Amino acid sequence: LIFQKFSISAGTIIDDRWILSAAHCVQKARNIHADIGQWNRLQSDNGEFRVKASSWTVHPNAGQTNGISNDLVLIKVPSLQKNKPSICQAEL
């Protein structure tokens, strides 16, 4: 995930429109971009592309118990379906 031009976190594609990541990484974010298919941050990878998040939802109890409990955010992105052959989706 990209926030203010810096890589801030990794995520897992759980659906063609949703990415699961860590809530603490997006606490101050106003815009989030996701580099899909990125393996090496220092160069472009074959099949890599960037999408802008349309919205994100932090778990309502994120960090309440011990600072890291429920540290989850769901990030909504445009459909990844057209690029799906070049990426791997987590099996649930």
N, C-alpha and C. Protein backbone atom coordinates (compact mmCIF):
# COMPACT_ATOMS: atom_id res chain seq x y z
N LEU A 1 0.84 -1.17 0.00
CA LEU A 1 0.00 0.00 0.00
C LEU A 1 0.88 1.23 0.00
N ILE A 2 0.44 2.25 -0.68
CA ILE A 2 1.19 3.48 -0.82
C ILE A 2 0.42 4.61 -0.16
N PHE A 3 1.10 5.37 0.69
CA PHE A 3 0.51 6.53 1.35
C PHE A 3 1.55 7.63 1.31
N GLN A 4 1.22 8.79 0.73
CA GLN A 4 2.12 9.91 0.57
C GLN A 4 3.45 9.49 -0.09
N LYS A 5 3.37 8.72 -1.15
CA LYS A 5 4.49 8.28 -1.99
C LYS A 5 5.41 7.26 -1.34
N PHE A 6 5.07 6.74 -0.16
CA PHE A 6 5.91 5.75 0.51
C PHE A 6 5.14 4.45 0.68
N SER A 7 5.85 3.33 0.53
CA SER A 7 5.25 2.03 0.83
C SER A 7 5.07 1.95 2.33
N ILE A 8 3.86 1.61 2.75
CA ILE A 8 3.61 1.60 4.18
C ILE A 8 3.20 0.24 4.71
N SER A 9 2.73 -0.63 3.86
CA SER A 9 2.21 -1.90 4.37
C SER A 9 2.00 -2.87 3.23
N ALA A 10 1.82 -4.11 3.60
CA ALA A 10 1.43 -5.13 2.63
C ALA A 10 -0.05 -5.42 2.84
N GLY A 11 -0.62 -6.13 1.92
CA GLY A 11 -2.03 -6.49 2.04
C GLY A 11 -2.29 -7.80 1.35
N THR A 12 -3.49 -8.32 1.56
CA THR A 12 -3.91 -9.57 0.94
C THR A 12 -5.19 -9.32 0.14
N ILE A 13 -5.18 -9.70 -1.12
CA ILE A 13 -6.37 -9.57 -1.95
C ILE A 13 -7.34 -10.67 -1.52
N ILE A 14 -8.53 -10.27 -1.05
CA ILE A 14 -9.50 -11.26 -0.60
C ILE A 14 -10.70 -11.36 -1.54
N ASP A 15 -10.80 -10.44 -2.49
CA ASP A 15 -11.88 -10.42 -3.46
C ASP A 15 -11.42 -9.51 -4.59
N ASP A 16 -12.13 -9.49 -5.71
CA ASP A 16 -11.66 -8.65 -6.81
C ASP A 16 -11.82 -7.16 -6.53
N ARG A 17 -12.44 -6.78 -5.42
CA ARG A 17 -12.58 -5.37 -5.06
C ARG A 17 -12.09 -5.05 -3.65
N TRP A 18 -11.55 -6.03 -2.93
CA TRP A 18 -11.18 -5.79 -1.54
C TRP A 18 -9.79 -6.30 -1.20
N ILE A 19 -9.07 -5.49 -0.41
CA ILE A 19 -7.75 -5.84 0.11
C ILE A 19 -7.81 -5.74 1.63
N LEU A 20 -7.25 -6.72 2.31
CA LEU A 20 -7.17 -6.72 3.77
C LEU A 20 -5.76 -6.31 4.17
N SER A 21 -5.66 -5.38 5.12
CA SER A 21 -4.34 -4.92 5.56
C SER A 21 -4.41 -4.55 7.05
N ALA A 22 -3.34 -3.91 7.53
CA ALA A 22 -3.24 -3.51 8.94
C ALA A 22 -3.79 -2.10 9.12
N ALA A 23 -4.70 -1.94 10.08
CA ALA A 23 -5.34 -0.65 10.32
C ALA A 23 -4.35 0.43 10.74
N HIS A 24 -3.34 0.08 11.53
CA HIS A 24 -2.41 1.10 12.01
C HIS A 24 -1.64 1.76 10.86
N CYS A 25 -1.59 1.11 9.73
CA CYS A 25 -0.86 1.66 8.58
C CYS A 25 -1.64 2.74 7.83
N VAL A 26 -2.93 2.84 8.08
CA VAL A 26 -3.74 3.82 7.36
C VAL A 26 -4.39 4.85 8.28
N GLN A 27 -3.94 4.93 9.52
CA GLN A 27 -4.55 5.82 10.51
C GLN A 27 -4.68 7.26 10.03
N LYS A 28 -3.65 7.79 9.39
CA LYS A 28 -3.64 9.19 9.00
C LYS A 28 -3.82 9.37 7.49
N ALA A 29 -4.19 8.32 6.81
CA ALA A 29 -4.28 8.38 5.35
C ALA A 29 -5.48 9.18 4.87
N ARG A 30 -5.25 9.96 3.82
CA ARG A 30 -6.35 10.64 3.12
C ARG A 30 -6.57 9.99 1.76
N ASN A 31 -5.51 9.42 1.22
CA ASN A 31 -5.56 8.68 -0.05
C ASN A 31 -4.71 7.44 0.11
N ILE A 32 -5.17 6.35 -0.47
CA ILE A 32 -4.41 5.11 -0.44
C ILE A 32 -4.36 4.56 -1.86
N HIS A 33 -3.16 4.16 -2.27
CA HIS A 33 -2.97 3.46 -3.54
C HIS A 33 -2.39 2.08 -3.22
N ALA A 34 -2.73 1.12 -4.04
CA ALA A 34 -2.19 -0.23 -3.86
C ALA A 34 -1.45 -0.63 -5.13
N ASP A 35 -0.22 -1.07 -4.96
CA ASP A 35 0.54 -1.65 -6.07
C ASP A 35 0.25 -3.14 -6.07
N ILE A 36 -0.47 -3.59 -7.06
CA ILE A 36 -0.89 -4.98 -7.16
C ILE A 36 0.17 -5.76 -7.94
N GLY A 37 0.54 -6.91 -7.39
CA GLY A 37 1.54 -7.74 -8.05
C GLY A 37 2.97 -7.30 -7.83
N GLN A 38 3.20 -6.44 -6.86
CA GLN A 38 4.55 -5.94 -6.59
C GLN A 38 5.34 -6.95 -5.76
N TRP A 39 6.47 -7.34 -6.28
CA TRP A 39 7.36 -8.26 -5.57
C TRP A 39 8.64 -7.57 -5.13
N ASN A 40 9.09 -6.61 -5.93
CA ASN A 40 10.34 -5.90 -5.67
C ASN A 40 10.04 -4.41 -5.70
N ARG A 41 10.14 -3.75 -4.56
CA ARG A 41 9.81 -2.32 -4.48
C ARG A 41 10.78 -1.45 -5.26
N LEU A 42 11.96 -1.97 -5.60
CA LEU A 42 12.98 -1.17 -6.26
C LEU A 42 12.86 -1.15 -7.78
N GLN A 43 11.97 -1.98 -8.32
CA GLN A 43 11.79 -2.00 -9.77
C GLN A 43 10.37 -2.44 -10.10
N SER A 44 9.95 -2.16 -11.33
CA SER A 44 8.63 -2.61 -11.78
C SER A 44 8.68 -4.10 -12.05
N ASP A 45 7.66 -4.80 -11.60
CA ASP A 45 7.58 -6.24 -11.83
C ASP A 45 6.60 -6.51 -12.97
N ASN A 46 6.80 -7.61 -13.65
CA ASN A 46 5.92 -8.01 -14.74
C ASN A 46 4.50 -8.16 -14.22
N GLY A 47 3.56 -7.46 -14.83
CA GLY A 47 2.16 -7.54 -14.43
C GLY A 47 1.76 -6.62 -13.29
N GLU A 48 2.69 -5.86 -12.74
CA GLU A 48 2.39 -4.96 -11.64
C GLU A 48 1.57 -3.76 -12.13
N PHE A 49 0.61 -3.33 -11.32
CA PHE A 49 -0.15 -2.13 -11.65
C PHE A 49 -0.64 -1.48 -10.35
N ARG A 50 -1.02 -0.22 -10.44
CA ARG A 50 -1.44 0.56 -9.28
C ARG A 50 -2.91 0.92 -9.38
N VAL A 51 -3.62 0.84 -8.26
CA VAL A 51 -5.02 1.26 -8.19
C VAL A 51 -5.19 2.20 -7.00
N LYS A 52 -6.17 3.07 -7.10
CA LYS A 52 -6.48 3.99 -6.00
C LYS A 52 -7.68 3.45 -5.24
N ALA A 53 -7.58 3.44 -3.93
CA ALA A 53 -8.69 2.98 -3.09
C ALA A 53 -9.84 3.98 -3.18
N SER A 54 -11.06 3.46 -3.27
CA SER A 54 -12.23 4.33 -3.27
C SER A 54 -12.72 4.58 -1.85
N SER A 55 -12.44 3.64 -0.96
CA SER A 55 -12.80 3.80 0.45
C SER A 55 -12.08 2.75 1.27
N TRP A 56 -12.12 2.89 2.58
CA TRP A 56 -11.56 1.87 3.47
C TRP A 56 -12.31 1.93 4.79
N THR A 57 -12.37 0.77 5.44
CA THR A 57 -13.10 0.64 6.69
C THR A 57 -12.20 -0.03 7.72
N VAL A 58 -11.90 0.69 8.77
CA VAL A 58 -11.08 0.17 9.86
C VAL A 58 -11.99 -0.60 10.81
N HIS A 59 -11.51 -1.72 11.33
CA HIS A 59 -12.27 -2.51 12.30
C HIS A 59 -12.68 -1.58 13.45
N PRO A 60 -13.95 -1.63 13.88
CA PRO A 60 -14.42 -0.70 14.91
C PRO A 60 -13.71 -0.84 16.26
N ASN A 61 -13.10 -1.99 16.53
CA ASN A 61 -12.38 -2.19 17.79
C ASN A 61 -10.87 -2.24 17.61
N ALA A 62 -10.38 -1.69 16.53
CA ALA A 62 -8.94 -1.74 16.24
C ALA A 62 -8.14 -1.10 17.36
N GLY A 63 -7.19 -1.86 17.91
CA GLY A 63 -6.25 -1.36 18.89
C GLY A 63 -6.79 -1.10 20.29
N GLN A 64 -8.03 -1.44 20.56
CA GLN A 64 -8.62 -1.08 21.85
C GLN A 64 -8.07 -1.89 23.03
N THR A 65 -7.77 -3.16 22.82
CA THR A 65 -7.36 -3.99 23.95
C THR A 65 -5.89 -3.85 24.29
N ASN A 66 -5.01 -4.10 23.32
CA ASN A 66 -3.58 -4.07 23.62
C ASN A 66 -2.78 -3.26 22.59
N GLY A 67 -3.45 -2.43 21.84
CA GLY A 67 -2.77 -1.61 20.85
C GLY A 67 -2.70 -2.24 19.47
N ILE A 68 -2.78 -3.57 19.41
CA ILE A 68 -2.73 -4.22 18.11
C ILE A 68 -3.88 -5.18 17.85
N SER A 69 -4.75 -5.35 18.82
CA SER A 69 -5.88 -6.26 18.61
C SER A 69 -6.81 -5.69 17.53
N ASN A 70 -7.38 -6.57 16.74
CA ASN A 70 -8.29 -6.19 15.66
C ASN A 70 -7.68 -5.16 14.71
N ASP A 71 -6.39 -5.27 14.48
CA ASP A 71 -5.65 -4.32 13.64
C ASP A 71 -5.92 -4.61 12.17
N LEU A 72 -7.16 -4.37 11.74
CA LEU A 72 -7.60 -4.74 10.41
C LEU A 72 -8.25 -3.56 9.70
N VAL A 73 -8.00 -3.48 8.40
CA VAL A 73 -8.67 -2.52 7.56
C VAL A 73 -9.04 -3.22 6.26
N LEU A 74 -10.25 -2.98 5.79
CA LEU A 74 -10.69 -3.45 4.48
C LEU A 74 -10.62 -2.27 3.53
N ILE A 75 -9.92 -2.46 2.42
CA ILE A 75 -9.70 -1.39 1.45
C ILE A 75 -10.42 -1.75 0.16
N LYS A 76 -11.33 -0.86 -0.25
CA LYS A 76 -12.09 -1.10 -1.49
C LYS A 76 -11.36 -0.45 -2.66
N VAL A 77 -11.17 -1.22 -3.71
CA VAL A 77 -10.48 -0.75 -4.92
C VAL A 77 -11.34 -1.05 -6.13
N PRO A 78 -11.05 -0.43 -7.28
CA PRO A 78 -11.76 -0.81 -8.51
C PRO A 78 -11.54 -2.30 -8.78
N SER A 79 -12.44 -2.89 -9.52
CA SER A 79 -12.34 -4.32 -9.80
C SER A 79 -10.97 -4.71 -10.35
N LEU A 80 -10.41 -5.75 -9.78
CA LEU A 80 -9.13 -6.29 -10.23
C LEU A 80 -9.33 -7.43 -11.23
N GLN A 81 -10.57 -7.71 -11.57
CA GLN A 81 -10.92 -8.86 -12.40
C GLN A 81 -10.19 -8.89 -13.73
N LYS A 82 -10.06 -7.74 -14.41
CA LYS A 82 -9.44 -7.75 -15.73
C LYS A 82 -7.95 -8.07 -15.67
N ASN A 83 -7.33 -7.85 -14.52
CA ASN A 83 -5.90 -8.14 -14.36
C ASN A 83 -5.64 -9.41 -13.58
N LYS A 84 -6.69 -10.13 -13.22
CA LYS A 84 -6.59 -11.28 -12.34
C LYS A 84 -5.57 -12.34 -12.78
N PRO A 85 -5.40 -12.65 -14.05
CA PRO A 85 -4.42 -13.69 -14.41
C PRO A 85 -3.00 -13.40 -13.98
N SER A 86 -2.64 -12.12 -13.79
CA SER A 86 -1.26 -11.80 -13.42
C SER A 86 -1.07 -11.64 -11.91
N ILE A 87 -2.11 -11.87 -11.12
CA ILE A 87 -2.01 -11.76 -9.68
C ILE A 87 -2.57 -13.01 -9.01
N CYS A 88 -2.28 -13.18 -7.74
CA CYS A 88 -2.79 -14.32 -6.99
C CYS A 88 -3.75 -13.81 -5.92
N GLN A 89 -4.90 -14.42 -5.83
CA GLN A 89 -5.88 -14.07 -4.80
C GLN A 89 -5.85 -15.10 -3.71
N ALA A 90 -5.93 -14.65 -2.47
CA ALA A 90 -5.93 -15.58 -1.34
C ALA A 90 -7.18 -16.46 -1.38
N GLU A 91 -7.00 -17.74 -1.12
CA GLU A 91 -8.14 -18.66 -1.04
C GLU A 91 -8.69 -18.60 0.38
N LEU A 92 -9.98 -18.38 0.51
CA LEU A 92 -10.60 -18.32 1.84
C LEU A 92 -11.38 -19.58 2.12
